[in-house]
Amino acid sequence: MGKYRGGRINEQLRKEISNIIQTQIKDPRINSMISVTKVDVTRDLRYAKVYVSIFGKDENKEETVKILKKSSGFIRREVGRKVSLRYTPEIIIELDNSIEHGMHIDALLEKIKESDE
């Protein structure tokens, strides 16, 4: 599989999984905003690691990740219906904290900037 094809598959799956999470998962316990930041599909298209960023309280993040992991079978089935691949990859949900980490670094830089003035 060429690197361009792999990138296209990752991006297509990211769009579809994001759409499925936003529109089709109807769990009332999910009250945080969920963003799919990245999808990594293995070369053999058997597994897809889905990185999600959750905006909300820390207690809600852990519960939301558990809910998403439990609904990974549903997400896989819907991806299989919408994306034409030889194998529908198994969905592995991972929490992505890079946005919070970036915001923390930005706050630290602002604090340094203010102390210099």
PDB file of N, CA and C in Angstrom:
ATOM      1  N   MET A   1       0.855  -1.166   0.000  1.00  0.00           N
ATOM      2  CA  MET A   1       0.000   0.000   0.000  1.00  0.00           C
ATOM      3  C   MET A   1       0.900   1.228   0.000  1.00  0.00           C
ATOM      4  N   GLY A   2       0.719   2.100  -0.974  1.00  0.00           N
ATOM      5  CA  GLY A   2       1.519   3.309  -1.056  1.00  0.00           C
ATOM      6  C   GLY A   2       1.197   4.267   0.068  1.00  0.00           C
ATOM      7  N   LYS A   3       2.142   5.181   0.309  1.00  0.00           N
ATOM      8  CA  LYS A   3       1.922   6.100   1.432  1.00  0.00           C
ATOM      9  C   LYS A   3       0.789   7.079   1.145  1.00  0.00           C
ATOM     10  N   TYR A   4       0.549   7.390  -0.126  1.00  0.00           N
ATOM     11  CA  TYR A   4      -0.559   8.293  -0.443  1.00  0.00           C
ATOM     12  C   TYR A   4      -1.899   7.622  -0.185  1.00  0.00           C
ATOM     13  N   ARG A   5      -2.003   6.344  -0.532  1.00  0.00           N
ATOM     14  CA  ARG A   5      -3.243   5.625  -0.307  1.00  0.00           C
ATOM     15  C   ARG A   5      -3.517   5.499   1.186  1.00  0.00           C
ATOM     16  N   GLY A   6      -2.477   5.213   1.965  1.00  0.00           N
ATOM     17  CA  GLY A   6      -2.637   5.111   3.406  1.00  0.00           C
ATOM     18  C   GLY A   6      -3.141   6.409   4.011  1.00  0.00           C
ATOM     19  N   GLY A   7      -2.617   7.523   3.553  1.00  0.00           N
ATOM     20  CA  GLY A   7      -3.061   8.826   4.049  1.00  0.00           C
ATOM     21  C   GLY A   7      -4.502   9.110   3.682  1.00  0.00           C
ATOM     22  N   ARG A   8      -4.886   8.736   2.467  1.00  0.00           N
ATOM     23  CA  ARG A   8      -6.276   8.945   2.041  1.00  0.00           C
ATOM     24  C   ARG A   8      -7.231   8.090   2.857  1.00  0.00           C
ATOM     25  N   ILE A   9      -6.848   6.844   3.115  1.00  0.00           N
ATOM     26  CA  ILE A   9      -7.703   5.957   3.904  1.00  0.00           C
ATOM     27  C   ILE A   9      -7.843   6.497   5.326  1.00  0.00           C
ATOM     28  N   ASN A  10      -6.731   6.944   5.914  1.00  0.00           N
ATOM     29  CA  ASN A  10      -6.783   7.509   7.271  1.00  0.00           C
ATOM     30  C   ASN A  10      -7.726   8.700   7.325  1.00  0.00           C
ATOM     31  N   GLU A  11      -7.611   9.591   6.357  1.00  0.00           N
ATOM     32  CA  GLU A  11      -8.447  10.800   6.351  1.00  0.00           C
ATOM     33  C   GLU A  11      -9.917  10.463   6.115  1.00  0.00           C
ATOM     34  N   GLN A  12     -10.196   9.531   5.210  1.00  0.00           N
ATOM     35  CA  GLN A  12     -11.584   9.143   4.944  1.00  0.00           C
ATOM     36  C   GLN A  12     -12.212   8.502   6.176  1.00  0.00           C
ATOM     37  N   LEU A  13     -11.460   7.624   6.843  1.00  0.00           N
ATOM     38  CA  LEU A  13     -11.991   7.001   8.055  1.00  0.00           C
ATOM     39  C   LEU A  13     -12.189   8.031   9.162  1.00  0.00           C
ATOM     40  N   ARG A  14     -11.286   9.008   9.267  1.00  0.00           N
ATOM     41  CA  ARG A  14     -11.432  10.052  10.289  1.00  0.00           C
ATOM     42  C   ARG A  14     -12.728  10.824  10.075  1.00  0.00           C
ATOM     43  N   LYS A  15     -13.011  11.178   8.834  1.00  0.00           N
ATOM     44  CA  LYS A  15     -14.243  11.917   8.535  1.00  0.00           C
ATOM     45  C   LYS A  15     -15.478  11.085   8.849  1.00  0.00           C
ATOM     46  N   GLU A  16     -15.477   9.835   8.430  1.00  0.00           N
ATOM     47  CA  GLU A  16     -16.653   8.991   8.634  1.00  0.00           C
ATOM     48  C   GLU A  16     -16.883   8.685  10.110  1.00  0.00           C
ATOM     49  N   ILE A  17     -15.812   8.378  10.845  1.00  0.00           N
ATOM     50  CA  ILE A  17     -15.961   8.064  12.271  1.00  0.00           C
ATOM     51  C   ILE A  17     -16.421   9.297  13.035  1.00  0.00           C
ATOM     52  N   SER A  18     -15.893  10.456  12.676  1.00  0.00           N
ATOM     53  CA  SER A  18     -16.323  11.692  13.324  1.00  0.00           C
ATOM     54  C   SER A  18     -17.809  11.935  13.078  1.00  0.00           C
ATOM     55  N   ASN A  19     -18.239  11.716  11.863  1.00  0.00           N
ATOM     56  CA  ASN A  19     -19.657  11.890  11.524  1.00  0.00           C
ATOM     57  C   ASN A  19     -20.529  10.895  12.293  1.00  0.00           C
ATOM     58  N   ILE A  20     -20.085   9.657  12.398  1.00  0.00           N
ATOM     59  CA  ILE A  20     -20.858   8.640  13.113  1.00  0.00           C
ATOM     60  C   ILE A  20     -20.975   8.999  14.591  1.00  0.00           C
ATOM     61  N   ILE A  21     -19.871   9.439  15.204  1.00  0.00           N
ATOM     62  CA  ILE A  21     -19.899   9.786  16.628  1.00  0.00           C
ATOM     63  C   ILE A  21     -20.817  10.981  16.861  1.00  0.00           C
ATOM     64  N   GLN A  22     -20.764  11.970  15.976  1.00  0.00           N
ATOM     65  CA  GLN A  22     -21.565  13.179  16.168  1.00  0.00           C
ATOM     66  C   GLN A  22     -23.050  12.940  15.932  1.00  0.00           C
ATOM     67  N   THR A  23     -23.407  12.131  14.936  1.00  0.00           N
ATOM     68  CA  THR A  23     -24.807  12.052  14.529  1.00  0.00           C
ATOM     69  C   THR A  23     -25.525  10.771  14.929  1.00  0.00           C
ATOM     70  N   GLN A  24     -24.821   9.651  15.066  1.00  0.00           N
ATOM     71  CA  GLN A  24     -25.524   8.382  15.217  1.00  0.00           C
ATOM     72  C   GLN A  24     -25.432   7.751  16.603  1.00  0.00           C
ATOM     73  N   ILE A  25     -24.460   8.142  17.403  1.00  0.00           N
ATOM     74  CA  ILE A  25     -24.385   7.587  18.755  1.00  0.00           C
ATOM     75  C   ILE A  25     -25.321   8.402  19.644  1.00  0.00           C
ATOM     76  N   LYS A  26     -26.347   7.750  20.149  1.00  0.00           N
ATOM     77  CA  LYS A  26     -27.401   8.431  20.901  1.00  0.00           C
ATOM     78  C   LYS A  26     -27.359   8.054  22.380  1.00  0.00           C
ATOM     79  N   ASP A  27     -26.187   8.089  22.985  1.00  0.00           N
ATOM     80  CA  ASP A  27     -26.059   7.757  24.394  1.00  0.00           C
ATOM     81  C   ASP A  27     -26.248   9.024  25.225  1.00  0.00           C
ATOM     82  N   PRO A  28     -27.214   9.048  26.143  1.00  0.00           N
ATOM     83  CA  PRO A  28     -27.452  10.273  26.920  1.00  0.00           C
ATOM     84  C   PRO A  28     -26.320  10.605  27.903  1.00  0.00           C
ATOM     85  N   ARG A  29     -25.444   9.640  28.188  1.00  0.00           N
ATOM     86  CA  ARG A  29     -24.325   9.901  29.098  1.00  0.00           C
ATOM     87  C   ARG A  29     -23.225  10.729  28.447  1.00  0.00           C
ATOM     88  N   ILE A  30     -23.233  10.806  27.128  1.00  0.00           N
ATOM     89  CA  ILE A  30     -22.221  11.606  26.439  1.00  0.00           C
ATOM     90  C   ILE A  30     -22.728  13.036  26.380  1.00  0.00           C
ATOM     91  N   ASN A  31     -22.100  13.920  27.164  1.00  0.00           N
ATOM     92  CA  ASN A  31     -22.499  15.318  27.158  1.00  0.00           C
ATOM     93  C   ASN A  31     -21.306  16.232  26.903  1.00  0.00           C
ATOM     94  N   SER A  32     -20.191  15.658  26.451  1.00  0.00           N
ATOM     95  CA  SER A  32     -19.004  16.428  26.121  1.00  0.00           C
ATOM     96  C   SER A  32     -18.881  16.536  24.609  1.00  0.00           C
ATOM     97  N   MET A  33     -18.094  17.522  24.184  1.00  0.00           N
ATOM     98  CA  MET A  33     -17.825  17.649  22.762  1.00  0.00           C
ATOM     99  C   MET A  33     -16.672  16.709  22.404  1.00  0.00           C
ATOM    100  N   ILE A  34     -16.858  15.890  21.387  1.00  0.00           N
ATOM    101  CA  ILE A  34     -15.870  14.895  20.984  1.00  0.00           C
ATOM    102  C   ILE A  34     -15.353  15.254  19.603  1.00  0.00           C
ATOM    103  N   SER A  35     -14.037  15.230  19.467  1.00  0.00           N
ATOM    104  CA  SER A  35     -13.406  15.518  18.187  1.00  0.00           C
ATOM    105  C   SER A  35     -12.438  14.388  17.848  1.00  0.00           C
ATOM    106  N   VAL A  36     -12.557  13.837  16.644  1.00  0.00           N
ATOM    107  CA  VAL A  36     -11.620  12.814  16.196  1.00  0.00           C
ATOM    108  C   VAL A  36     -10.423  13.544  15.604  1.00  0.00           C
ATOM    109  N   THR A  37      -9.264  13.434  16.255  1.00  0.00           N
ATOM    110  CA  THR A  37      -8.099  14.190  15.826  1.00  0.00           C
ATOM    111  C   THR A  37      -7.251  13.442  14.809  1.00  0.00           C
ATOM    112  N   LYS A  38      -7.199  12.115  14.911  1.00  0.00           N
ATOM    113  CA  LYS A  38      -6.317  11.367  14.033  1.00  0.00           C
ATOM    114  C   LYS A  38      -6.771   9.914  13.966  1.00  0.00           C
ATOM    115  N   VAL A  39      -6.541   9.289  12.825  1.00  0.00           N
ATOM    116  CA  VAL A  39      -6.788   7.855  12.664  1.00  0.00           C
ATOM    117  C   VAL A  39      -5.550   7.246  12.030  1.00  0.00           C
ATOM    118  N   ASP A  40      -5.052   6.168  12.625  1.00  0.00           N
ATOM    119  CA  ASP A  40      -3.923   5.424  12.069  1.00  0.00           C
ATOM    120  C   ASP A  40      -4.396   4.021  11.742  1.00  0.00           C
ATOM    121  N   VAL A  41      -4.349   3.667  10.458  1.00  0.00           N
ATOM    122  CA  VAL A  41      -4.739   2.337  10.016  1.00  0.00           C
ATOM    123  C   VAL A  41      -3.468   1.537   9.759  1.00  0.00           C
ATOM    124  N   THR A  42      -3.456   0.278  10.212  1.00  0.00           N
ATOM    125  CA  THR A  42      -2.295  -0.564   9.959  1.00  0.00           C
ATOM    126  C   THR A  42      -2.183  -0.854   8.467  1.00  0.00           C
ATOM    127  N   ARG A  43      -1.010  -1.300   8.055  1.00  0.00           N
ATOM    128  CA  ARG A  43      -0.773  -1.543   6.626  1.00  0.00           C
ATOM    129  C   ARG A  43      -1.685  -2.620   6.048  1.00  0.00           C
ATOM    130  N   ASP A  44      -2.069  -3.595   6.873  1.00  0.00           N
ATOM    131  CA  ASP A  44      -2.942  -4.659   6.376  1.00  0.00           C
ATOM    132  C   ASP A  44      -4.424  -4.330   6.513  1.00  0.00           C
ATOM    133  N   LEU A  45      -4.757  -3.114   6.947  1.00  0.00           N
ATOM    134  CA  LEU A  45      -6.130  -2.616   7.086  1.00  0.00           C
ATOM    135  C   LEU A  45      -6.963  -3.417   8.073  1.00  0.00           C
ATOM    136  N   ARG A  46      -6.322  -4.056   9.050  1.00  0.00           N
ATOM    137  CA  ARG A  46      -7.072  -4.853  10.030  1.00  0.00           C
ATOM    138  C   ARG A  46      -7.452  -4.040  11.263  1.00  0.00           C
ATOM    139  N   TYR A  47      -6.638  -3.058  11.622  1.00  0.00           N
ATOM    140  CA  TYR A  47      -6.878  -2.273  12.833  1.00  0.00           C
ATOM    141  C   TYR A  47      -6.783  -0.781  12.516  1.00  0.00           C
ATOM    142  N   ALA A  48      -7.626  -0.005  13.178  1.00  0.00           N
ATOM    143  CA  ALA A  48      -7.588   1.453  13.053  1.00  0.00           C
ATOM    144  C   ALA A  48      -7.581   2.043  14.453  1.00  0.00           C
ATOM    145  N   LYS A  49      -6.508   2.741  14.783  1.00  0.00           N
ATOM    146  CA  LYS A  49      -6.418   3.431  16.071  1.00  0.00           C
ATOM    147  C   LYS A  49      -7.009   4.811  15.882  1.00  0.00           C
ATOM    148  N   VAL A  50      -8.056   5.103  16.632  1.00  0.00           N
ATOM    149  CA  VAL A  50      -8.779   6.364  16.515  1.00  0.00           C
ATOM    150  C   VAL A  50      -8.462   7.203  17.744  1.00  0.00           C
ATOM    151  N   TYR A  51      -7.860   8.369  17.523  1.00  0.00           N
ATOM    152  CA  TYR A  51      -7.515   9.274  18.615  1.00  0.00           C
ATOM    153  C   TYR A  51      -8.614  10.332  18.728  1.00  0.00           C
ATOM    154  N   VAL A  52      -9.226  10.400  19.910  1.00  0.00           N
ATOM    155  CA  VAL A  52     -10.301  11.362  20.144  1.00  0.00           C
ATOM    156  C   VAL A  52      -9.880  12.355  21.205  1.00  0.00           C
ATOM    157  N   SER A  53     -10.306  13.584  21.015  1.00  0.00           N
ATOM    158  CA  SER A  53     -10.094  14.636  21.992  1.00  0.00           C
ATOM    159  C   SER A  53     -11.462  15.004  22.550  1.00  0.00           C
ATOM    160  N   ILE A  54     -11.555  15.030  23.873  1.00  0.00           N
ATOM    161  CA  ILE A  54     -12.835  15.263  24.534  1.00  0.00           C
ATOM    162  C   ILE A  54     -12.725  16.540  25.348  1.00  0.00           C
ATOM    163  N   PHE A  55     -13.632  17.467  25.094  1.00  0.00           N
ATOM    164  CA  PHE A  55     -13.653  18.736  25.801  1.00  0.00           C
ATOM    165  C   PHE A  55     -14.733  18.679  26.876  1.00  0.00           C
ATOM    166  N   GLY A  56     -14.298  18.714  28.122  1.00  0.00           N
ATOM    167  CA  GLY A  56     -15.219  18.641  29.237  1.00  0.00           C
ATOM    168  C   GLY A  56     -14.457  18.380  30.513  1.00  0.00           C
ATOM    169  N   LYS A  57     -15.172  17.985  31.548  1.00  0.00           N
ATOM    170  CA  LYS A  57     -14.554  17.692  32.830  1.00  0.00           C
ATOM    171  C   LYS A  57     -13.791  16.375  32.768  1.00  0.00           C
ATOM    172  N   ASP A  58     -12.793  16.231  33.634  1.00  0.00           N
ATOM    173  CA  ASP A  58     -11.957  15.032  33.622  1.00  0.00           C
ATOM    174  C   ASP A  58     -12.747  13.770  33.926  1.00  0.00           C
ATOM    175  N   GLU A  59     -13.723  13.849  34.841  1.00  0.00           N
ATOM    176  CA  GLU A  59     -14.533  12.672  35.157  1.00  0.00           C
ATOM    177  C   GLU A  59     -15.339  12.246  33.934  1.00  0.00           C
ATOM    178  N   ASN A  60     -15.856  13.224  33.204  1.00  0.00           N
ATOM    179  CA  ASN A  60     -16.656  12.922  32.015  1.00  0.00           C
ATOM    180  C   ASN A  60     -15.799  12.331  30.906  1.00  0.00           C
ATOM    181  N   LYS A  61     -14.539  12.734  30.819  1.00  0.00           N
ATOM    182  CA  LYS A  61     -13.656  12.218  29.763  1.00  0.00           C
ATOM    183  C   LYS A  61     -13.489  10.715  29.878  1.00  0.00           C
ATOM    184  N   GLU A  62     -13.202  10.238  31.092  1.00  0.00           N
ATOM    185  CA  GLU A  62     -12.982   8.809  31.282  1.00  0.00           C
ATOM    186  C   GLU A  62     -14.244   8.008  30.976  1.00  0.00           C
ATOM    187  N   GLU A  63     -15.384   8.516  31.408  1.00  0.00           N
ATOM    188  CA  GLU A  63     -16.647   7.820  31.144  1.00  0.00           C
ATOM    189  C   GLU A  63     -16.972   7.839  29.648  1.00  0.00           C
ATOM    190  N   THR A  64     -16.709   8.971  28.994  1.00  0.00           N
ATOM    191  CA  THR A  64     -16.978   9.080  27.560  1.00  0.00           C
ATOM    192  C   THR A  64     -16.097   8.129  26.767  1.00  0.00           C
ATOM    193  N   VAL A  65     -14.827   7.995  27.150  1.00  0.00           N
ATOM    194  CA  VAL A  65     -13.930   7.062  26.460  1.00  0.00           C
ATOM    195  C   VAL A  65     -14.433   5.628  26.637  1.00  0.00           C
ATOM    196  N   LYS A  66     -14.898   5.277  27.833  1.00  0.00           N
ATOM    197  CA  LYS A  66     -15.447   3.933  28.065  1.00  0.00           C
ATOM    198  C   LYS A  66     -16.658   3.681  27.174  1.00  0.00           C
ATOM    199  N   ILE A  67     -17.523   4.688  27.059  1.00  0.00           N
ATOM    200  CA  ILE A  67     -18.720   4.550  26.221  1.00  0.00           C
ATOM    201  C   ILE A  67     -18.318   4.363  24.755  1.00  0.00           C
ATOM    202  N   LEU A  68     -17.352   5.155  24.306  1.00  0.00           N
ATOM    203  CA  LEU A  68     -16.910   5.043  22.915  1.00  0.00           C
ATOM    204  C   LEU A  68     -16.264   3.686  22.649  1.00  0.00           C
ATOM    205  N   LYS A  69     -15.502   3.184  23.614  1.00  0.00           N
ATOM    206  CA  LYS A  69     -14.885   1.862  23.437  1.00  0.00           C
ATOM    207  C   LYS A  69     -15.942   0.773  23.356  1.00  0.00           C
ATOM    208  N   LYS A  70     -17.007   0.909  24.152  1.00  0.00           N
ATOM    209  CA  LYS A  70     -18.081  -0.082  24.101  1.00  0.00           C
ATOM    210  C   LYS A  70     -18.870  -0.007  22.796  1.00  0.00           C
ATOM    211  N   SER A  71     -18.924   1.177  22.189  1.00  0.00           N
ATOM    212  CA  SER A  71     -19.668   1.326  20.941  1.00  0.00           C
ATOM    213  C   SER A  71     -18.777   1.164  19.718  1.00  0.00           C
ATOM    214  N   SER A  72     -17.571   0.644  19.894  1.00  0.00           N
ATOM    215  CA  SER A  72     -16.655   0.492  18.756  1.00  0.00           C
ATOM    216  C   SER A  72     -17.181  -0.516  17.731  1.00  0.00           C
ATOM    217  N   GLY A  73     -17.922  -1.516  18.161  1.00  0.00           N
ATOM    218  CA  GLY A  73     -18.519  -2.469  17.220  1.00  0.00           C
ATOM    219  C   GLY A  73     -19.544  -1.799  16.322  1.00  0.00           C
ATOM    220  N   PHE A  74     -20.367  -0.954  16.917  1.00  0.00           N
ATOM    221  CA  PHE A  74     -21.349  -0.193  16.136  1.00  0.00           C
ATOM    222  C   PHE A  74     -20.640   0.732  15.144  1.00  0.00           C
ATOM    223  N   ILE A  75     -19.590   1.413  15.611  1.00  0.00           N
ATOM    224  CA  ILE A  75     -18.846   2.322  14.737  1.00  0.00           C
ATOM    225  C   ILE A  75     -18.223   1.536  13.582  1.00  0.00           C
ATOM    226  N   ARG A  76     -17.681   0.366  13.878  1.00  0.00           N
ATOM    227  CA  ARG A  76     -17.066  -0.463  12.832  1.00  0.00           C
ATOM    228  C   ARG A  76     -18.093  -0.881  11.781  1.00  0.00           C
ATOM    229  N   ARG A  77     -19.271  -1.279  12.241  1.00  0.00           N
ATOM    230  CA  ARG A  77     -20.315  -1.694  11.302  1.00  0.00           C
ATOM    231  C   ARG A  77     -20.729  -0.542  10.395  1.00  0.00           C
ATOM    232  N   GLU A  78     -20.897   0.646  10.969  1.00  0.00           N
ATOM    233  CA  GLU A  78     -21.289   1.800  10.166  1.00  0.00           C
ATOM    234  C   GLU A  78     -20.189   2.212   9.189  1.00  0.00           C
ATOM    235  N   VAL A  79     -18.934   2.119   9.620  1.00  0.00           N
ATOM    236  CA  VAL A  79     -17.814   2.425   8.715  1.00  0.00           C
ATOM    237  C   VAL A  79     -17.807   1.430   7.564  1.00  0.00           C
ATOM    238  N   GLY A  80     -18.079   0.165   7.862  1.00  0.00           N
ATOM    239  CA  GLY A  80     -18.132  -0.858   6.817  1.00  0.00           C
ATOM    240  C   GLY A  80     -19.212  -0.588   5.784  1.00  0.00           C
ATOM    241  N   ARG A  81     -20.305   0.004   6.208  1.00  0.00           N
ATOM    242  CA  ARG A  81     -21.382   0.335   5.268  1.00  0.00           C
ATOM    243  C   ARG A  81     -21.035   1.532   4.398  1.00  0.00           C
ATOM    244  N   LYS A  82     -20.255   2.489   4.941  1.00  0.00           N
ATOM    245  CA  LYS A  82     -20.014   3.741   4.234  1.00  0.00           C
ATOM    246  C   LYS A  82     -18.717   3.771   3.442  1.00  0.00           C
ATOM    247  N   VAL A  83     -17.725   2.999   3.862  1.00  0.00           N
ATOM    248  CA  VAL A  83     -16.420   3.021   3.201  1.00  0.00           C
ATOM    249  C   VAL A  83     -16.182   1.652   2.583  1.00  0.00           C
ATOM    250  N   SER A  84     -15.850   1.648   1.313  1.00  0.00           N
ATOM    251  CA  SER A  84     -15.639   0.399   0.597  1.00  0.00           C
ATOM    252  C   SER A  84     -14.167  -0.012   0.690  1.00  0.00           C
ATOM    253  N   LEU A  85     -13.892  -0.953   1.599  1.00  0.00           N
ATOM    254  CA  LEU A  85     -12.564  -1.515   1.765  1.00  0.00           C
ATOM    255  C   LEU A  85     -12.681  -3.036   1.774  1.00  0.00           C
ATOM    256  N   ARG A  86     -11.583  -3.710   1.490  1.00  0.00           N
ATOM    257  CA  ARG A  86     -11.611  -5.167   1.511  1.00  0.00           C
ATOM    258  C   ARG A  86     -11.928  -5.655   2.925  1.00  0.00           C
ATOM    259  N   TYR A  87     -11.263  -5.084   3.903  1.00  0.00           N
ATOM    260  CA  TYR A  87     -11.514  -5.416   5.303  1.00  0.00           C
ATOM    261  C   TYR A  87     -11.965  -4.162   6.029  1.00  0.00           C
ATOM    262  N   THR A  88     -12.959  -4.316   6.869  1.00  0.00           N
ATOM    263  CA  THR A  88     -13.346  -3.198   7.730  1.00  0.00           C
ATOM    264  C   THR A  88     -12.466  -3.289   8.971  1.00  0.00           C
ATOM    265  N   PRO A  89     -11.664  -2.265   9.225  1.00  0.00           N
ATOM    266  CA  PRO A  89     -10.720  -2.373  10.341  1.00  0.00           C
ATOM    267  C   PRO A  89     -11.410  -2.384  11.699  1.00  0.00           C
ATOM    268  N   GLU A  90     -10.800  -3.087  12.638  1.00  0.00           N
ATOM    269  CA  GLU A  90     -11.274  -3.085  14.017  1.00  0.00           C
ATOM    270  C   GLU A  90     -10.911  -1.738  14.629  1.00  0.00           C
ATOM    271  N   ILE A  91     -11.864  -1.107  15.288  1.00  0.00           N
ATOM    272  CA  ILE A  91     -11.699   0.243  15.822  1.00  0.00           C
ATOM    273  C   ILE A  91     -11.130   0.170  17.242  1.00  0.00           C
ATOM    274  N   ILE A  92     -10.018   0.880  17.464  1.00  0.00           N
ATOM    275  CA  ILE A  92      -9.408   0.977  18.786  1.00  0.00           C
ATOM    276  C   ILE A  92      -9.433   2.459  19.168  1.00  0.00           C
ATOM    277  N   ILE A  93     -10.169   2.780  20.219  1.00  0.00           N
ATOM    278  CA  ILE A  93     -10.334   4.172  20.652  1.00  0.00           C
ATOM    279  C   ILE A  93      -9.238   4.526  21.661  1.00  0.00           C
ATOM    280  N   GLU A  94      -8.555   5.646  21.428  1.00  0.00           N
ATOM    281  CA  GLU A  94      -7.531   6.152  22.341  1.00  0.00           C
ATOM    282  C   GLU A  94      -7.820   7.620  22.638  1.00  0.00           C
ATOM    283  N   LEU A  95      -7.550   8.048  23.864  1.00  0.00           N
ATOM    284  CA  LEU A  95      -7.729   9.443  24.256  1.00  0.00           C
ATOM    285  C   LEU A  95      -6.509  10.243  23.826  1.00  0.00           C
ATOM    286  N   ASP A  96      -6.746  11.383  23.186  1.00  0.00           N
ATOM    287  CA  ASP A  96      -5.669  12.258  22.708  1.00  0.00           C
ATOM    288  C   ASP A  96      -5.678  13.532  23.547  1.00  0.00           C
ATOM    289  N   ASN A  97      -4.608  13.766  24.285  1.00  0.00           N
ATOM    290  CA  ASN A  97      -4.506  14.939  25.143  1.00  0.00           C
ATOM    291  C   ASN A  97      -3.627  16.026  24.535  1.00  0.00           C
ATOM    292  N   SER A  98      -3.327  15.960  23.267  1.00  0.00           N
ATOM    293  CA  SER A  98      -2.391  16.914  22.664  1.00  0.00           C
ATOM    294  C   SER A  98      -2.952  18.334  22.644  1.00  0.00           C
ATOM    295  N   ILE A  99      -4.249  18.500  22.504  1.00  0.00           N
ATOM    296  CA  ILE A  99      -4.830  19.847  22.472  1.00  0.00           C
ATOM    297  C   ILE A  99      -4.722  20.490  23.853  1.00  0.00           C
ATOM    298  N   GLU A 100      -5.049  19.728  24.911  1.00  0.00           N
ATOM    299  CA  GLU A 100      -4.904  20.260  26.258  1.00  0.00           C
ATOM    300  C   GLU A 100      -3.440  20.572  26.571  1.00  0.00           C
ATOM    301  N   HIS A 101      -2.542  19.712  26.108  1.00  0.00           N
ATOM    302  CA  HIS A 101      -1.115  19.933  26.321  1.00  0.00           C
ATOM    303  C   HIS A 101      -0.661  21.213  25.620  1.00  0.00           C
ATOM    304  N   GLY A 102      -1.130  21.429  24.396  1.00  0.00           N
ATOM    305  CA  GLY A 102      -0.803  22.655  23.665  1.00  0.00           C
ATOM    306  C   GLY A 102      -1.348  23.898  24.357  1.00  0.00           C
ATOM    307  N   MET A 103      -2.562  23.808  24.898  1.00  0.00           N
ATOM    308  CA  MET A 103      -3.139  24.945  25.607  1.00  0.00           C
ATOM    309  C   MET A 103      -2.355  25.238  26.886  1.00  0.00           C
ATOM    310  N   HIS A 104      -1.875  24.201  27.559  1.00  0.00           N
ATOM    311  CA  HIS A 104      -1.069  24.383  28.763  1.00  0.00           C
ATOM    312  C   HIS A 104       0.256  25.073  28.430  1.00  0.00           C
ATOM    313  N   ILE A 105       0.899  24.651  27.362  1.00  0.00           N
ATOM    314  CA  ILE A 105       2.159  25.280  26.943  1.00  0.00           C
ATOM    315  C   ILE A 105       1.915  26.732  26.552  1.00  0.00           C
ATOM    316  N   ASP A 106       0.820  26.990  25.856  1.00  0.00           N
ATOM    317  CA  ASP A 106       0.490  28.370  25.471  1.00  0.00           C
ATOM    318  C   ASP A 106       0.284  29.250  26.702  1.00  0.00           C
ATOM    319  N   ALA A 107      -0.398  28.705  27.720  1.00  0.00           N
ATOM    320  CA  ALA A 107      -0.611  29.466  28.962  1.00  0.00           C
ATOM    321  C   ALA A 107       0.717  29.744  29.657  1.00  0.00           C
ATOM    322  N   LEU A 108       1.605  28.762  29.656  1.00  0.00           N
ATOM    323  CA  LEU A 108       2.929  28.974  30.254  1.00  0.00           C
ATOM    324  C   LEU A 108       3.716  30.056  29.509  1.00  0.00           C
ATOM    325  N   LEU A 109       3.646  30.042  28.197  1.00  0.00           N
ATOM    326  CA  LEU A 109       4.344  31.058  27.403  1.00  0.00           C
ATOM    327  C   LEU A 109       3.773  32.451  27.661  1.00  0.00           C
ATOM    328  N   GLU A 110       2.463  32.542  27.806  1.00  0.00           N
ATOM    329  CA  GLU A 110       1.838  33.835  28.128  1.00  0.00           C
ATOM    330  C   GLU A 110       2.287  34.328  29.497  1.00  0.00           C
ATOM    331  N   LYS A 111       2.393  33.405  30.456  1.00  0.00           N
ATOM    332  CA  LYS A 111       2.834  33.771  31.804  1.00  0.00           C
ATOM    333  C   LYS A 111       4.280  34.283  31.766  1.00  0.00           C
ATOM    334  N   ILE A 112       5.128  33.641  30.982  1.00  0.00           N
ATOM    335  CA  ILE A 112       6.519  34.095  30.838  1.00  0.00           C
ATOM    336  C   ILE A 112       6.569  35.455  30.169  1.00  0.00           C
ATOM    337  N   LYS A 113       5.753  35.638  29.161  1.00  0.00           N
ATOM    338  CA  LYS A 113       5.708  36.904  28.424  1.00  0.00           C
ATOM    339  C   LYS A 113       5.282  38.044  29.346  1.00  0.00           C
ATOM    340  N   GLU A 114       4.281  37.782  30.204  1.00  0.00           N
ATOM    341  CA  GLU A 114       3.789  38.815  31.129  1.00  0.00           C
ATOM    342  C   GLU A 114       4.842  39.139  32.203  1.00  0.00           C
ATOM    343  N   SER A 115       5.592  38.130  32.640  1.00  0.00           N
ATOM    344  CA  SER A 115       6.593  38.382  33.673  1.00  0.00           C
ATOM    345  C   SER A 115       7.794  39.169  33.134  1.00  0.00           C
ATOM    346  N   ASP A 116       8.071  39.104  31.842  1.00  0.00           N
ATOM    347  CA  ASP A 116       9.170  39.856  31.237  1.00  0.00           C
ATOM    348  C   ASP A 116       8.835  41.334  31.103  1.00  0.00           C
ATOM    349  N   GLU A 117       7.579  41.650  31.004  1.00  0.00           N
ATOM    350  CA  GLU A 117       7.178  43.048  30.776  1.00  0.00           C
ATOM    351  C   GLU A 117       7.168  43.867  32.009  1.00  0.00           C
TER     352      GLU A 117
END
